[in-house]
Amino acid sequence: MNRVILSRPALPGTALAELKQWLGITTATDDAPLLSLLTAALDVCEAFTGQMPLETECEEVLSADAGWHTLATRPVQAIGLVESLDASGNRTALDPSAYEIDLASDGTGRVRLPLLDSTTRIVVSFTAGLAADWDALPESLRHGLIRLAAHQHREREAGGAAPLPPASVAALWRPWRRMHLT
């Protein structure tokens, strides 16, 4: 997957407050590292479940072959701009009548292209994520994110790297996991 995240979702103060409450931290001295742990937990959650937890603006670069192209990121909420990308990196917006968009009920986003003359790659801009914001996340995902960030905070000085996510977090996320056959 050749994905670029254009803008990460902002984590509200309530997310940090939940993590600090879980850890029993009352001072603000560790706020920046704790927010970094929550951001990392979002990435681990996506890797484990196969679904982006919070809505995020992204781009994926795909080959410009004729036919349907499936975005690797899920669940796609909206597909915006589709651009051709030439060898020197210049982008040109494709006319919306030159392609088709399909958003499936399972969160899969697809773009159908006609045969394009000299274009070898396209860039698809889209929004993906299960929830619009932290408070809208399903409880088991949100609790798993807090537990994973807390686990990483507690294990920050341990010598060896433990597998992620821990079993207690994996149990919370397993119902949201999407498996792909290749």
C-alpha atoms as a PDB file:
ATOM      1  CA  MET A   1       0.000   0.000   0.000  1.00  0.00           C
ATOM      2  CA  ASN A   2       1.288   3.412  -0.945  1.00  0.00           C
ATOM      3  CA  ARG A   3      -0.737   5.583   1.433  1.00  0.00           C
ATOM      4  CA  VAL A   4      -0.071   9.063   2.719  1.00  0.00           C
ATOM      5  CA  ILE A   5      -1.972  10.452   5.678  1.00  0.00           C
ATOM      6  CA  LEU A   6      -2.769  14.064   4.902  1.00  0.00           C
ATOM      7  CA  SER A   7      -4.114  15.031   8.302  1.00  0.00           C
ATOM      8  CA  ARG A   8      -4.187  12.938  11.446  1.00  0.00           C
ATOM      9  CA  PRO A   9      -7.277  13.182  13.618  1.00  0.00           C
ATOM     10  CA  ALA A  10      -6.861  15.450  16.604  1.00  0.00           C
ATOM     11  CA  LEU A  11      -7.147  13.588  19.881  1.00  0.00           C
ATOM     12  CA  PRO A  12      -9.339  15.552  22.297  1.00  0.00           C
ATOM     13  CA  GLY A  13      -8.507  16.265  25.900  1.00  0.00           C
ATOM     14  CA  THR A  14     -10.967  13.563  26.932  1.00  0.00           C
ATOM     15  CA  ALA A  15      -8.736  10.887  25.372  1.00  0.00           C
ATOM     16  CA  LEU A  16      -5.736  12.084  27.335  1.00  0.00           C
ATOM     17  CA  ALA A  17      -7.856  12.415  30.481  1.00  0.00           C
ATOM     18  CA  GLU A  18      -9.053   8.786  30.126  1.00  0.00           C
ATOM     19  CA  LEU A  19      -5.473   7.552  29.770  1.00  0.00           C
ATOM     20  CA  LYS A  20      -4.239   9.625  32.708  1.00  0.00           C
ATOM     21  CA  GLN A  21      -7.119   8.342  34.855  1.00  0.00           C
ATOM     22  CA  TRP A  22      -6.284   4.731  33.873  1.00  0.00           C
ATOM     23  CA  LEU A  23      -2.633   5.316  34.834  1.00  0.00           C
ATOM     24  CA  GLY A  24      -3.390   7.374  37.956  1.00  0.00           C
ATOM     25  CA  ILE A  25      -1.431  10.381  36.646  1.00  0.00           C
ATOM     26  CA  THR A  26      -2.526  13.799  37.885  1.00  0.00           C
ATOM     27  CA  THR A  27       0.247  16.061  36.578  1.00  0.00           C
ATOM     28  CA  ALA A  28       0.665  17.492  33.083  1.00  0.00           C
ATOM     29  CA  THR A  29       4.388  16.711  32.782  1.00  0.00           C
ATOM     30  CA  ASP A  30       3.834  13.531  30.734  1.00  0.00           C
ATOM     31  CA  ASP A  31       1.049  14.830  28.475  1.00  0.00           C
ATOM     32  CA  ALA A  32       3.111  14.955  25.256  1.00  0.00           C
ATOM     33  CA  PRO A  33       4.521  11.407  25.573  1.00  0.00           C
ATOM     34  CA  LEU A  34       1.090  10.077  26.544  1.00  0.00           C
ATOM     35  CA  LEU A  35      -0.488  11.665  23.455  1.00  0.00           C
ATOM     36  CA  SER A  36       2.260  10.060  21.359  1.00  0.00           C
ATOM     37  CA  LEU A  37       1.408   6.685  22.887  1.00  0.00           C
ATOM     38  CA  LEU A  38      -2.279   7.180  22.030  1.00  0.00           C
ATOM     39  CA  THR A  39      -1.342   8.057  18.437  1.00  0.00           C
ATOM     40  CA  ALA A  40       0.830   4.940  18.216  1.00  0.00           C
ATOM     41  CA  ALA A  41      -2.030   2.885  19.686  1.00  0.00           C
ATOM     42  CA  LEU A  42      -4.273   4.112  16.848  1.00  0.00           C
ATOM     43  CA  ASP A  43      -1.729   2.766  14.343  1.00  0.00           C
ATOM     44  CA  VAL A  44      -1.505  -0.595  16.134  1.00  0.00           C
ATOM     45  CA  CYS A  45      -5.304  -0.775  16.238  1.00  0.00           C
ATOM     46  CA  GLU A  46      -5.502  -0.225  12.483  1.00  0.00           C
ATOM     47  CA  ALA A  47      -2.835  -2.851  11.831  1.00  0.00           C
ATOM     48  CA  PHE A  48      -4.626  -5.380  14.049  1.00  0.00           C
ATOM     49  CA  THR A  49      -8.222  -4.758  12.974  1.00  0.00           C
ATOM     50  CA  GLY A  50      -7.607  -3.819   9.336  1.00  0.00           C
ATOM     51  CA  GLN A  51      -9.739  -0.721   9.887  1.00  0.00           C
ATOM     52  CA  MET A  52      -8.743   2.870  10.557  1.00  0.00           C
ATOM     53  CA  PRO A  53     -10.322   3.811  13.908  1.00  0.00           C
ATOM     54  CA  LEU A  54     -10.750   7.593  13.518  1.00  0.00           C
ATOM     55  CA  GLU A  55     -11.685   9.470  10.352  1.00  0.00           C
ATOM     56  CA  THR A  56      -8.542  10.613   8.592  1.00  0.00           C
ATOM     57  CA  GLU A  57      -7.801  12.363   5.307  1.00  0.00           C
ATOM     58  CA  CYS A  58      -5.595  10.109   3.155  1.00  0.00           C
ATOM     59  CA  GLU A  59      -4.218   9.567  -0.332  1.00  0.00           C
ATOM     60  CA  GLU A  60      -3.274   6.341  -2.063  1.00  0.00           C
ATOM     61  CA  VAL A  61      -1.227   6.013  -5.224  1.00  0.00           C
ATOM     62  CA  LEU A  62      -2.540   3.319  -7.582  1.00  0.00           C
ATOM     63  CA  SER A  63      -1.610   2.095 -11.029  1.00  0.00           C
ATOM     64  CA  ALA A  64      -3.619   3.699 -13.816  1.00  0.00           C
ATOM     65  CA  ASP A  65      -4.614   0.459 -15.533  1.00  0.00           C
ATOM     66  CA  ALA A  66      -8.123   0.341 -16.948  1.00  0.00           C
ATOM     67  CA  GLY A  67     -10.676  -1.281 -14.623  1.00  0.00           C
ATOM     68  CA  TRP A  68     -11.548  -1.270 -10.926  1.00  0.00           C
ATOM     69  CA  HIS A  69      -8.916  -0.404  -8.313  1.00  0.00           C
ATOM     70  CA  THR A  70      -9.548  -1.110  -4.631  1.00  0.00           C
ATOM     71  CA  LEU A  71      -8.179   1.166  -1.938  1.00  0.00           C
ATOM     72  CA  ALA A  72      -6.216  -0.679   0.739  1.00  0.00           C
ATOM     73  CA  THR A  73      -7.448   1.516   3.600  1.00  0.00           C
ATOM     74  CA  ARG A  74     -10.824   0.750   5.203  1.00  0.00           C
ATOM     75  CA  PRO A  75     -13.510   1.806   5.942  1.00  0.00           C
ATOM     76  CA  VAL A  76     -13.692   4.497   3.280  1.00  0.00           C
ATOM     77  CA  GLN A  77     -16.288   7.145   4.059  1.00  0.00           C
ATOM     78  CA  ALA A  78     -15.852   9.333   0.965  1.00  0.00           C
ATOM     79  CA  ILE A  79     -13.660   9.534  -2.112  1.00  0.00           C
ATOM     80  CA  GLY A  80     -12.816  13.053  -3.180  1.00  0.00           C
ATOM     81  CA  LEU A  81     -10.315  13.959  -5.834  1.00  0.00           C
ATOM     82  CA  VAL A  82      -8.750  11.563  -8.357  1.00  0.00           C
ATOM     83  CA  GLU A  83      -5.611  12.863 -10.056  1.00  0.00           C
ATOM     84  CA  SER A  84      -3.233  11.526 -12.679  1.00  0.00           C
ATOM     85  CA  LEU A  85       0.412  11.435 -11.621  1.00  0.00           C
ATOM     86  CA  ASP A  86       3.111  11.679 -14.284  1.00  0.00           C
ATOM     87  CA  ALA A  87       6.687  10.423 -14.051  1.00  0.00           C
ATOM     88  CA  SER A  88       7.993  13.777 -12.794  1.00  0.00           C
ATOM     89  CA  GLY A  89       5.433  13.905  -9.980  1.00  0.00           C
ATOM     90  CA  ASN A  90       3.079  16.463 -11.509  1.00  0.00           C
ATOM     91  CA  ARG A  91      -0.598  15.987 -10.714  1.00  0.00           C
ATOM     92  CA  THR A  92      -3.579  16.740 -12.906  1.00  0.00           C
ATOM     93  CA  ALA A  93      -7.149  16.392 -11.658  1.00  0.00           C
ATOM     94  CA  LEU A  94      -9.174  13.911 -13.701  1.00  0.00           C
ATOM     95  CA  ASP A  95     -12.567  14.989 -14.937  1.00  0.00           C
ATOM     96  CA  PRO A  96     -15.154  13.329 -12.638  1.00  0.00           C
ATOM     97  CA  SER A  97     -16.913  11.962 -15.715  1.00  0.00           C
ATOM     98  CA  ALA A  98     -13.717  10.052 -16.581  1.00  0.00           C
ATOM     99  CA  TYR A  99     -13.954   7.616 -13.656  1.00  0.00           C
ATOM    100  CA  GLU A 100     -16.473   5.879 -11.409  1.00  0.00           C
ATOM    101  CA  ILE A 101     -16.507   5.572  -7.617  1.00  0.00           C
ATOM    102  CA  ASP A 102     -17.932   2.698  -5.576  1.00  0.00           C
ATOM    103  CA  LEU A 103     -18.303   2.658  -1.797  1.00  0.00           C
ATOM    104  CA  ALA A 104     -19.354  -0.783  -0.598  1.00  0.00           C
ATOM    105  CA  SER A 105     -21.263  -1.429   2.617  1.00  0.00           C
ATOM    106  CA  ASP A 106     -18.211  -3.201   4.092  1.00  0.00           C
ATOM    107  CA  GLY A 107     -16.137   0.009   3.849  1.00  0.00           C
ATOM    108  CA  THR A 108     -14.306  -0.880   0.663  1.00  0.00           C
ATOM    109  CA  GLY A 109     -13.637   2.045  -1.656  1.00  0.00           C
ATOM    110  CA  ARG A 110     -13.033   1.479  -5.351  1.00  0.00           C
ATOM    111  CA  VAL A 111     -12.271   3.622  -8.391  1.00  0.00           C
ATOM    112  CA  ARG A 112     -12.918   2.495 -11.957  1.00  0.00           C
ATOM    113  CA  LEU A 113     -10.744   3.972 -14.665  1.00  0.00           C
ATOM    114  CA  PRO A 114     -11.003   3.947 -18.429  1.00  0.00           C
ATOM    115  CA  LEU A 115      -7.872   3.312 -20.483  1.00  0.00           C
ATOM    116  CA  LEU A 116      -5.719   6.405 -19.914  1.00  0.00           C
ATOM    117  CA  ASP A 117      -3.200   7.399 -22.582  1.00  0.00           C
ATOM    118  CA  SER A 118       0.124   8.209 -20.956  1.00  0.00           C
ATOM    119  CA  THR A 119      -0.799   8.105 -17.274  1.00  0.00           C
ATOM    120  CA  THR A 120       0.832   5.277 -15.329  1.00  0.00           C
ATOM    121  CA  ARG A 121      -0.342   6.181 -11.825  1.00  0.00           C
ATOM    122  CA  ILE A 122      -3.243   7.943 -10.146  1.00  0.00           C
ATOM    123  CA  VAL A 123      -3.651   9.538  -6.730  1.00  0.00           C
ATOM    124  CA  VAL A 124      -6.967   9.013  -4.942  1.00  0.00           C
ATOM    125  CA  SER A 125      -7.828  11.370  -2.063  1.00  0.00           C
ATOM    126  CA  PHE A 126     -10.347  10.029   0.439  1.00  0.00           C
ATOM    127  CA  THR A 127     -11.621  10.028   4.009  1.00  0.00           C
ATOM    128  CA  ALA A 128     -11.503   6.767   5.952  1.00  0.00           C
ATOM    129  CA  GLY A 129     -12.308   5.765   9.511  1.00  0.00           C
ATOM    130  CA  LEU A 130     -14.827   3.980  11.717  1.00  0.00           C
ATOM    131  CA  ALA A 131     -15.761   7.021  13.801  1.00  0.00           C
ATOM    132  CA  ALA A 132     -15.771  10.759  13.229  1.00  0.00           C
ATOM    133  CA  ASP A 133     -14.140  11.495  16.578  1.00  0.00           C
ATOM    134  CA  TRP A 134     -12.882   9.936  19.814  1.00  0.00           C
ATOM    135  CA  ASP A 135     -16.230  10.065  21.589  1.00  0.00           C
ATOM    136  CA  ALA A 136     -17.957   8.259  18.696  1.00  0.00           C
ATOM    137  CA  LEU A 137     -15.539   5.299  18.775  1.00  0.00           C
ATOM    138  CA  PRO A 138     -17.098   2.009  19.840  1.00  0.00           C
ATOM    139  CA  GLU A 139     -16.407   1.424  23.530  1.00  0.00           C
ATOM    140  CA  SER A 140     -14.315  -1.727  23.041  1.00  0.00           C
ATOM    141  CA  LEU A 141     -12.006  -0.008  20.546  1.00  0.00           C
ATOM    142  CA  ARG A 142     -11.617   3.073  22.713  1.00  0.00           C
ATOM    143  CA  HIS A 143     -10.955   1.031  25.844  1.00  0.00           C
ATOM    144  CA  GLY A 144      -8.416  -1.077  23.956  1.00  0.00           C
ATOM    145  CA  LEU A 145      -6.611   2.067  22.797  1.00  0.00           C
ATOM    146  CA  ILE A 146      -6.413   3.335  26.376  1.00  0.00           C
ATOM    147  CA  ARG A 147      -5.211  -0.047  27.686  1.00  0.00           C
ATOM    148  CA  LEU A 148      -2.554  -0.340  24.950  1.00  0.00           C
ATOM    149  CA  ALA A 149      -1.216   3.176  25.564  1.00  0.00           C
ATOM    150  CA  ALA A 150      -1.170   2.471  29.321  1.00  0.00           C
ATOM    151  CA  HIS A 151       0.616  -0.842  28.730  1.00  0.00           C
ATOM    152  CA  GLN A 152       3.256   0.874  26.594  1.00  0.00           C
ATOM    153  CA  HIS A 153       3.703   3.579  29.232  1.00  0.00           C
ATOM    154  CA  ARG A 154       4.204   1.021  31.996  1.00  0.00           C
ATOM    155  CA  GLU A 155       6.586  -1.086  29.895  1.00  0.00           C
ATOM    156  CA  ARG A 156       8.644   1.876  28.618  1.00  0.00           C
ATOM    157  CA  GLU A 157      11.730   0.863  30.559  1.00  0.00           C
ATOM    158  CA  ALA A 158      11.437  -2.905  30.119  1.00  0.00           C
ATOM    159  CA  GLY A 159      14.257  -4.547  28.216  1.00  0.00           C
ATOM    160  CA  GLY A 160      12.498  -6.708  25.643  1.00  0.00           C
ATOM    161  CA  ALA A 161       9.776  -5.888  23.191  1.00  0.00           C
ATOM    162  CA  ALA A 162       6.542  -7.730  23.887  1.00  0.00           C
ATOM    163  CA  PRO A 163       4.193  -8.637  21.066  1.00  0.00           C
ATOM    164  CA  LEU A 164       1.534  -6.035  20.358  1.00  0.00           C
ATOM    165  CA  PRO A 165      -1.240  -5.851  21.161  1.00  0.00           C
ATOM    166  CA  PRO A 166      -1.317  -7.633  24.521  1.00  0.00           C
ATOM    167  CA  ALA A 167      -3.950 -10.350  24.895  1.00  0.00           C
ATOM    168  CA  SER A 168      -6.260  -8.125  26.958  1.00  0.00           C
ATOM    169  CA  VAL A 169      -6.329  -5.538  24.164  1.00  0.00           C
ATOM    170  CA  ALA A 170      -6.588  -8.126  21.390  1.00  0.00           C
ATOM    171  CA  ALA A 171      -9.684  -9.549  23.099  1.00  0.00           C
ATOM    172  CA  LEU A 172     -11.342  -6.127  22.976  1.00  0.00           C
ATOM    173  CA  TRP A 173     -10.424  -5.535  19.322  1.00  0.00           C
ATOM    174  CA  ARG A 174     -11.012  -9.050  17.938  1.00  0.00           C
ATOM    175  CA  PRO A 175     -14.716  -8.467  17.104  1.00  0.00           C
ATOM    176  CA  TRP A 176     -13.630  -5.551  14.878  1.00  0.00           C
ATOM    177  CA  ARG A 177     -10.870  -7.474  13.094  1.00  0.00           C
ATOM    178  CA  ARG A 178     -11.202  -7.878   9.340  1.00  0.00           C
ATOM    179  CA  MET A 179      -9.371 -10.743   7.762  1.00  0.00           C
ATOM    180  CA  HIS A 180      -8.245 -10.734   4.147  1.00  0.00           C
ATOM    181  CA  LEU A 181      -7.510 -13.777   2.034  1.00  0.00           C
ATOM    182  CA  THR A 182      -4.646 -13.333  -0.392  1.00  0.00           C
END
